[in-house]
Protein backbone atom coordinates (compact mmCIF):
# COMPACT_ATOMS: atom_id res chain seq x y z
CA MET A 1 -34.40 -22.32 -4.01
CA GLU A 2 -30.46 -21.93 -4.34
CA SER A 3 -28.84 -20.62 -1.66
CA ILE A 4 -26.38 -17.78 -2.42
CA ALA A 5 -22.62 -18.79 -2.07
CA THR A 6 -20.72 -16.63 0.33
CA ILE A 7 -17.16 -15.53 0.96
CA ALA A 8 -15.13 -13.37 2.88
CA THR A 9 -12.28 -10.82 3.05
CA ILE A 10 -9.79 -9.88 5.46
CA GLY A 11 -6.41 -7.37 5.62
CA TYR A 12 -4.03 -7.73 8.47
CA GLU A 13 -3.20 -4.47 8.57
CA GLY A 14 -2.76 -3.32 12.48
CA ALA A 15 -3.70 -6.81 13.54
CA THR A 16 -2.18 -9.07 15.82
CA VAL A 17 -2.08 -12.83 14.96
CA ALA A 18 -4.31 -13.33 17.88
CA ASP A 19 -7.18 -10.82 16.48
CA PHE A 20 -6.81 -12.24 12.95
CA LEU A 21 -7.21 -15.79 13.80
CA GLU A 22 -10.10 -14.63 16.20
CA ALA A 23 -11.78 -13.12 13.42
CA LEU A 24 -11.45 -15.65 11.07
CA THR A 25 -12.63 -18.61 13.34
CA ALA A 26 -15.43 -16.48 14.35
CA HIS A 27 -16.70 -16.21 11.08
CA GLY A 28 -16.09 -20.25 10.47
CA VAL A 29 -13.32 -19.65 7.86
CA GLU A 30 -12.09 -23.52 6.75
CA LEU A 31 -9.92 -21.78 4.21
CA LEU A 32 -7.86 -19.01 4.05
CA VAL A 33 -6.66 -17.80 0.68
CA ASP A 34 -3.84 -15.70 0.44
CA ILE A 35 -3.94 -12.98 -2.63
CA ARG A 36 -0.70 -11.03 -2.12
CA ALA A 37 1.64 -10.97 -5.06
CA VAL A 38 4.44 -11.57 -2.44
CA ALA A 39 3.62 -13.47 0.51
CA SER A 40 6.17 -11.96 2.79
CA SER A 41 5.53 -9.68 5.59
CA ARG A 42 7.51 -7.36 8.41
CA ARG A 43 4.77 -8.03 10.57
CA PRO A 44 5.12 -11.23 12.85
CA GLY A 45 3.40 -14.02 11.97
CA PHE A 46 2.03 -12.82 8.88
CA ALA A 47 4.87 -13.94 6.11
CA LYS A 48 3.63 -17.17 4.09
CA THR A 49 5.32 -20.19 6.18
CA ALA A 50 4.40 -18.50 9.91
CA LEU A 51 0.82 -17.55 8.36
CA SER A 52 0.43 -21.16 7.41
CA ALA A 53 1.50 -22.30 10.59
CA ASN A 54 -0.65 -20.06 12.54
CA LEU A 55 -3.61 -21.10 10.48
CA GLU A 56 -2.90 -24.39 10.90
CA GLY A 57 -3.05 -24.30 14.74
CA ALA A 58 -6.39 -22.80 14.70
CA GLY A 59 -7.87 -25.35 12.32
CA ILE A 60 -7.77 -22.97 9.09
CA ALA A 61 -6.12 -24.24 5.81
CA TYR A 62 -3.89 -22.00 3.66
CA LEU A 63 -3.43 -21.31 -0.32
CA HIS A 64 -1.33 -18.78 -1.50
CA TYR A 65 -2.49 -17.32 -4.82
CA ARG A 66 0.12 -15.29 -6.18
CA GLY A 67 -1.30 -14.30 -9.44
CA LEU A 68 -4.34 -12.82 -8.07
CA GLY A 69 -1.76 -10.36 -6.23
CA THR A 70 -1.47 -6.99 -6.86
CA PRO A 71 1.42 -6.23 -10.04
CA ALA A 72 4.50 -3.89 -8.33
CA ASP A 73 3.19 -0.96 -10.04
CA GLY A 74 -0.29 -1.25 -8.36
CA ARG A 75 1.24 -1.84 -4.93
CA ALA A 76 3.38 1.55 -5.53
CA ALA A 77 0.22 3.40 -6.12
CA ALA A 78 -1.65 1.96 -3.29
CA ARG A 79 1.52 2.82 -1.04
CA SER A 80 0.82 6.25 -2.37
CA GLY A 81 -2.75 6.49 -2.00
CA LYS A 82 -3.51 6.29 -5.27
CA HIS A 83 -6.24 3.80 -4.81
CA ASP A 84 -8.02 4.35 -8.16
CA GLU A 85 -4.92 3.88 -9.80
CA MET A 86 -4.06 0.91 -8.11
CA LYS A 87 -7.75 -0.54 -9.40
CA ARG A 88 -7.17 0.48 -12.86
CA ILE A 89 -3.44 -1.75 -13.05
CA PHE A 90 -5.39 -4.16 -11.09
CA ARG A 91 -8.73 -4.57 -13.33
CA ALA A 92 -5.90 -5.05 -16.27
CA HIS A 93 -4.20 -7.82 -14.60
CA LEU A 94 -7.48 -9.80 -13.80
CA ALA A 95 -7.59 -10.08 -17.61
CA THR A 96 -4.30 -12.00 -17.62
CA GLN A 97 -4.64 -15.79 -18.37
CA VAL A 98 -3.07 -16.61 -14.44
CA ALA A 99 -5.39 -14.32 -12.58
CA ARG A 100 -8.32 -15.95 -15.09
CA GLU A 101 -6.89 -19.40 -14.04
CA GLN A 102 -6.77 -18.81 -10.24
CA LEU A 103 -9.90 -16.59 -9.94
CA HIS A 104 -11.74 -19.66 -11.56
CA ALA A 105 -9.91 -21.68 -9.16
CA VAL A 106 -11.33 -19.60 -6.20
CA ALA A 107 -14.47 -19.74 -8.09
CA GLU A 108 -14.51 -23.59 -7.75
CA LEU A 109 -13.82 -23.84 -3.80
CA VAL A 110 -16.96 -21.36 -3.49
CA HIS A 111 -19.05 -23.49 -5.42
CA ALA A 112 -17.89 -26.55 -3.33
CA GLY A 113 -19.05 -24.81 -0.31
CA ARG A 114 -15.87 -24.39 1.57
CA ARG A 115 -15.84 -21.60 3.70
CA ILE A 116 -13.29 -19.41 2.16
CA ALA A 117 -11.58 -16.08 3.10
CA LEU A 118 -9.64 -13.61 0.58
CA MET A 119 -6.70 -11.91 2.57
CA CYS A 120 -4.26 -9.40 1.86
CA PHE A 121 -2.35 -6.48 3.89
CA GLU A 122 -4.54 -3.63 3.59
CA ALA A 123 -7.37 -3.36 6.68
CA ASP A 124 -9.88 -1.42 4.58
CA ALA A 125 -11.24 -3.80 2.07
CA ALA A 126 -12.43 -0.73 0.24
CA HIS A 127 -8.94 0.36 -0.47
CA CYS A 128 -7.54 -3.33 -1.51
CA HIS A 129 -7.52 -5.31 -4.68
CA ARG A 130 -9.30 -8.44 -2.54
CA SER A 131 -12.62 -6.35 -2.87
CA LEU A 132 -12.37 -6.54 -7.05
CA VAL A 133 -11.53 -10.39 -6.85
CA ALA A 134 -14.30 -10.33 -4.81
CA ASP A 135 -16.27 -8.23 -7.15
CA ALA A 136 -15.25 -10.51 -10.10
CA LEU A 137 -16.32 -13.49 -8.60
CA ALA A 138 -19.81 -11.79 -7.96
CA ALA A 139 -20.13 -11.02 -11.56
CA GLN A 140 -20.29 -14.56 -12.51
CA PHE A 141 -22.65 -16.14 -9.80
CA PRO A 142 -24.91 -14.61 -7.02
CA LEU A 143 -22.20 -13.97 -3.80
CA GLN A 144 -22.76 -12.56 -0.80
CA VAL A 145 -19.32 -10.90 0.46
CA THR A 146 -18.48 -10.27 3.95
CA ASN A 147 -15.60 -7.72 4.95
CA LEU A 148 -13.94 -8.96 8.35
CA MET A 149 -12.00 -6.68 10.49
CA ALA A 150 -9.15 -8.10 12.60
CA LEU A 151 -7.67 -4.71 14.32
CA ASP A 152 -5.91 -5.05 17.07
CA PRO A 153 -8.10 -2.73 19.53
CA PHE A 154 -4.99 -1.13 21.46
CA ALA A 155 -2.97 -0.01 18.27
CA GLU A 156 -2.61 3.01 18.16
């Protein structure tokens, strides 16, 4: 009997770096795939270079697949709370060559048995494009998706 592949997703909105890393290590994540179109952040420790260093310190590898990020108009829709519009825009983006190629690369990593987490900003996976990436993978092969939470319990 073939085992079902697994993948995790995580957002860092409202999280500290420590809580974020704890959520990843508790789940046994070996590789974080950053699927932000723009890998900068106003939150300390979550811009690409700092994030990569923080992950390395925790024994977690880092990849940035910009092609699986939400286009600017989709990000604007998400910031405005227009989640259905963001999803429509992102689904169209998934049909682009770069998104298809990078989705295939993630699928290969999953098939190779890597314990992967897809990462973006939004805390709620239901409102984030990372759930659409996970859905696109699950449409290709049996996949169990776990949405991790990394919220700071003391955040307001």
